[in-house]
Amino acid sequence: MKLLEGKTALITGASKGIGRKIAEKFAEHGANVAFTYL
């Protein structure tokens, strides 16, 4: 079982840099990821 399986994360500024890496890691750990570029 993945750590964030069944969880949803909304990440702003995820098109580059640290926001992008955070979104990738959350997805790797099973989270449903929604992201925006602000």
PDB file of N, CA and C in Angstrom:
ATOM      1  N   MET A   1       0.843  -1.182   0.000  1.00  0.00           N
ATOM      2  CA  MET A   1       0.000   0.000   0.000  1.00  0.00           C
ATOM      3  C   MET A   1       0.886   1.243   0.000  1.00  0.00           C
ATOM      4  N   LYS A   2       0.511   2.176  -0.848  1.00  0.00           N
ATOM      5  CA  LYS A   2       1.279   3.409  -0.940  1.00  0.00           C
ATOM      6  C   LYS A   2       0.848   4.388   0.147  1.00  0.00           C
ATOM      7  N   LEU A   3       1.775   5.219   0.555  1.00  0.00           N
ATOM      8  CA  LEU A   3       1.573   6.149   1.666  1.00  0.00           C
ATOM      9  C   LEU A   3       0.376   7.085   1.469  1.00  0.00           C
ATOM     10  N   LEU A   4       0.182   7.593   0.257  1.00  0.00           N
ATOM     11  CA  LEU A   4      -0.874   8.581   0.016  1.00  0.00           C
ATOM     12  C   LEU A   4      -2.032   8.029  -0.810  1.00  0.00           C
ATOM     13  N   GLU A   5      -2.143   6.726  -0.905  1.00  0.00           N
ATOM     14  CA  GLU A   5      -3.200   6.106  -1.696  1.00  0.00           C
ATOM     15  C   GLU A   5      -4.573   6.542  -1.189  1.00  0.00           C
ATOM     16  N   GLY A   6      -5.432   6.967  -2.123  1.00  0.00           N
ATOM     17  CA  GLY A   6      -6.769   7.410  -1.759  1.00  0.00           C
ATOM     18  C   GLY A   6      -6.852   8.862  -1.327  1.00  0.00           C
ATOM     19  N   LYS A   7      -5.736   9.560  -1.298  1.00  0.00           N
ATOM     20  CA  LYS A   7      -5.713  10.974  -0.912  1.00  0.00           C
ATOM     21  C   LYS A   7      -5.656  11.833  -2.166  1.00  0.00           C
ATOM     22  N   THR A   8      -6.107  13.072  -2.051  1.00  0.00           N
ATOM     23  CA  THR A   8      -6.066  14.017  -3.157  1.00  0.00           C
ATOM     24  C   THR A   8      -5.257  15.235  -2.736  1.00  0.00           C
ATOM     25  N   ALA A   9      -4.385  15.684  -3.628  1.00  0.00           N
ATOM     26  CA  ALA A   9      -3.560  16.863  -3.352  1.00  0.00           C
ATOM     27  C   ALA A   9      -3.790  17.908  -4.432  1.00  0.00           C
ATOM     28  N   LEU A  10      -3.932  19.158  -4.042  1.00  0.00           N
ATOM     29  CA  LEU A  10      -4.003  20.283  -4.962  1.00  0.00           C
ATOM     30  C   LEU A  10      -2.716  21.070  -4.784  1.00  0.00           C
ATOM     31  N   ILE A  11      -1.938  21.145  -5.851  1.00  0.00           N
ATOM     32  CA  ILE A  11      -0.632  21.798  -5.779  1.00  0.00           C
ATOM     33  C   ILE A  11      -0.616  22.971  -6.752  1.00  0.00           C
ATOM     34  N   THR A  12      -0.339  24.164  -6.245  1.00  0.00           N
ATOM     35  CA  THR A  12      -0.252  25.342  -7.105  1.00  0.00           C
ATOM     36  C   THR A  12       1.196  25.555  -7.513  1.00  0.00           C
ATOM     37  N   GLY A  13       1.393  26.123  -8.679  1.00  0.00           N
ATOM     38  CA  GLY A  13       2.741  26.385  -9.166  1.00  0.00           C
ATOM     39  C   GLY A  13       3.497  25.124  -9.523  1.00  0.00           C
ATOM     40  N   ALA A  14       2.790  24.111 -10.018  1.00  0.00           N
ATOM     41  CA  ALA A  14       3.411  22.809 -10.259  1.00  0.00           C
ATOM     42  C   ALA A  14       3.934  22.626 -11.678  1.00  0.00           C
ATOM     43  N   SER A  15       4.063  23.697 -12.432  1.00  0.00           N
ATOM     44  CA  SER A  15       4.541  23.536 -13.799  1.00  0.00           C
ATOM     45  C   SER A  15       6.061  23.467 -13.885  1.00  0.00           C
ATOM     46  N   LYS A  16       6.743  23.892 -12.834  1.00  0.00           N
ATOM     47  CA  LYS A  16       8.208  23.839 -12.840  1.00  0.00           C
ATOM     48  C   LYS A  16       8.747  23.898 -11.418  1.00  0.00           C
ATOM     49  N   GLY A  17      10.010  23.647 -11.295  1.00  0.00           N
ATOM     50  CA  GLY A  17      10.689  23.796 -10.015  1.00  0.00           C
ATOM     51  C   GLY A  17      10.212  22.861  -8.928  1.00  0.00           C
ATOM     52  N   ILE A  18      10.215  23.392  -7.709  1.00  0.00           N
ATOM     53  CA  ILE A  18       9.889  22.565  -6.549  1.00  0.00           C
ATOM     54  C   ILE A  18       8.435  22.087  -6.570  1.00  0.00           C
ATOM     55  N   GLY A  19       7.520  22.915  -7.078  1.00  0.00           N
ATOM     56  CA  GLY A  19       6.125  22.497  -7.170  1.00  0.00           C
ATOM     57  C   GLY A  19       5.956  21.273  -8.048  1.00  0.00           C
ATOM     58  N   ARG A  20       6.685  21.229  -9.146  1.00  0.00           N
ATOM     59  CA  ARG A  20       6.624  20.077 -10.050  1.00  0.00           C
ATOM     60  C   ARG A  20       7.145  18.816  -9.366  1.00  0.00           C
ATOM     61  N   LYS A  21       8.268  18.927  -8.680  1.00  0.00           N
ATOM     62  CA  LYS A  21       8.848  17.766  -7.990  1.00  0.00           C
ATOM     63  C   LYS A  21       7.930  17.262  -6.878  1.00  0.00           C
ATOM     64  N   ILE A  22       7.292  18.179  -6.178  1.00  0.00           N
ATOM     65  CA  ILE A  22       6.344  17.779  -5.139  1.00  0.00           C
ATOM     66  C   ILE A  22       5.175  17.024  -5.764  1.00  0.00           C
ATOM     67  N   ALA A  23       4.638  17.539  -6.868  1.00  0.00           N
ATOM     68  CA  ALA A  23       3.531  16.862  -7.551  1.00  0.00           C
ATOM     69  C   ALA A  23       3.943  15.465  -7.998  1.00  0.00           C
ATOM     70  N   GLU A  24       5.147  15.327  -8.536  1.00  0.00           N
ATOM     71  CA  GLU A  24       5.640  14.021  -8.979  1.00  0.00           C
ATOM     72  C   GLU A  24       5.758  13.051  -7.803  1.00  0.00           C
ATOM     73  N   LYS A  25       6.303  13.503  -6.696  1.00  0.00           N
ATOM     74  CA  LYS A  25       6.470  12.639  -5.519  1.00  0.00           C
ATOM     75  C   LYS A  25       5.124  12.218  -4.938  1.00  0.00           C
ATOM     76  N   PHE A  26       4.185  13.147  -4.868  1.00  0.00           N
ATOM     77  CA  PHE A  26       2.859  12.794  -4.369  1.00  0.00           C
ATOM     78  C   PHE A  26       2.246  11.715  -5.256  1.00  0.00           C
ATOM     79  N   ALA A  27       2.354  11.872  -6.570  1.00  0.00           N
ATOM     80  CA  ALA A  27       1.809  10.880  -7.499  1.00  0.00           C
ATOM     81  C   ALA A  27       2.508   9.532  -7.333  1.00  0.00           C
ATOM     82  N   GLU A  28       3.812   9.540  -7.153  1.00  0.00           N
ATOM     83  CA  GLU A  28       4.561   8.295  -6.939  1.00  0.00           C
ATOM     84  C   GLU A  28       4.065   7.550  -5.704  1.00  0.00           C
ATOM     85  N   HIS A  29       3.620   8.303  -4.711  1.00  0.00           N
ATOM     86  CA  HIS A  29       3.156   7.703  -3.461  1.00  0.00           C
ATOM     87  C   HIS A  29       1.658   7.420  -3.472  1.00  0.00           C
ATOM     88  N   GLY A  30       1.025   7.532  -4.652  1.00  0.00           N
ATOM     89  CA  GLY A  30      -0.357   7.100  -4.809  1.00  0.00           C
ATOM     90  C   GLY A  30      -1.428   8.159  -4.703  1.00  0.00           C
ATOM     91  N   ALA A  31      -1.064   9.416  -4.536  1.00  0.00           N
ATOM     92  CA  ALA A  31      -2.070  10.472  -4.412  1.00  0.00           C
ATOM     93  C   ALA A  31      -2.668  10.814  -5.771  1.00  0.00           C
ATOM     94  N   ASN A  32      -3.921  11.239  -5.748  1.00  0.00           N
ATOM     95  CA  ASN A  32      -4.535  11.856  -6.918  1.00  0.00           C
ATOM     96  C   ASN A  32      -4.063  13.303  -6.887  1.00  0.00           C
ATOM     97  N   VAL A  33      -3.447  13.756  -7.964  1.00  0.00           N
ATOM     98  CA  VAL A  33      -2.843  15.087  -7.958  1.00  0.00           C
ATOM     99  C   VAL A  33      -3.554  16.002  -8.946  1.00  0.00           C
ATOM    100  N   ALA A  34      -3.996  17.149  -8.455  1.00  0.00           N
ATOM    101  CA  ALA A  34      -4.517  18.222  -9.292  1.00  0.00           C
ATOM    102  C   ALA A  34      -3.536  19.375  -9.130  1.00  0.00           C
ATOM    103  N   PHE A  35      -3.157  19.992 -10.241  1.00  0.00           N
ATOM    104  CA  PHE A  35      -2.190  21.076 -10.132  1.00  0.00           C
ATOM    105  C   PHE A  35      -2.551  22.231 -11.040  1.00  0.00           C
ATOM    106  N   THR A  36      -2.053  23.400 -10.669  1.00  0.00           N
ATOM    107  CA  THR A  36      -2.282  24.612 -11.437  1.00  0.00           C
ATOM    108  C   THR A  36      -0.965  25.351 -11.595  1.00  0.00           C
ATOM    109  N   TYR A  37      -0.973  26.253 -12.538  1.00  0.00           N
ATOM    110  CA  TYR A  37       0.158  27.154 -12.700  1.00  0.00           C
ATOM    111  C   TYR A  37      -0.338  28.537 -12.333  1.00  0.00           C
ATOM    112  N   LEU A  38       0.172  29.086 -11.258  1.00  0.00           N
ATOM    113  CA  LEU A  38      -0.240  30.427 -10.818  1.00  0.00           C
ATOM    114  C   LEU A  38       0.950  31.331 -10.697  1.00  0.00           C
TER     115      LEU A  38
END
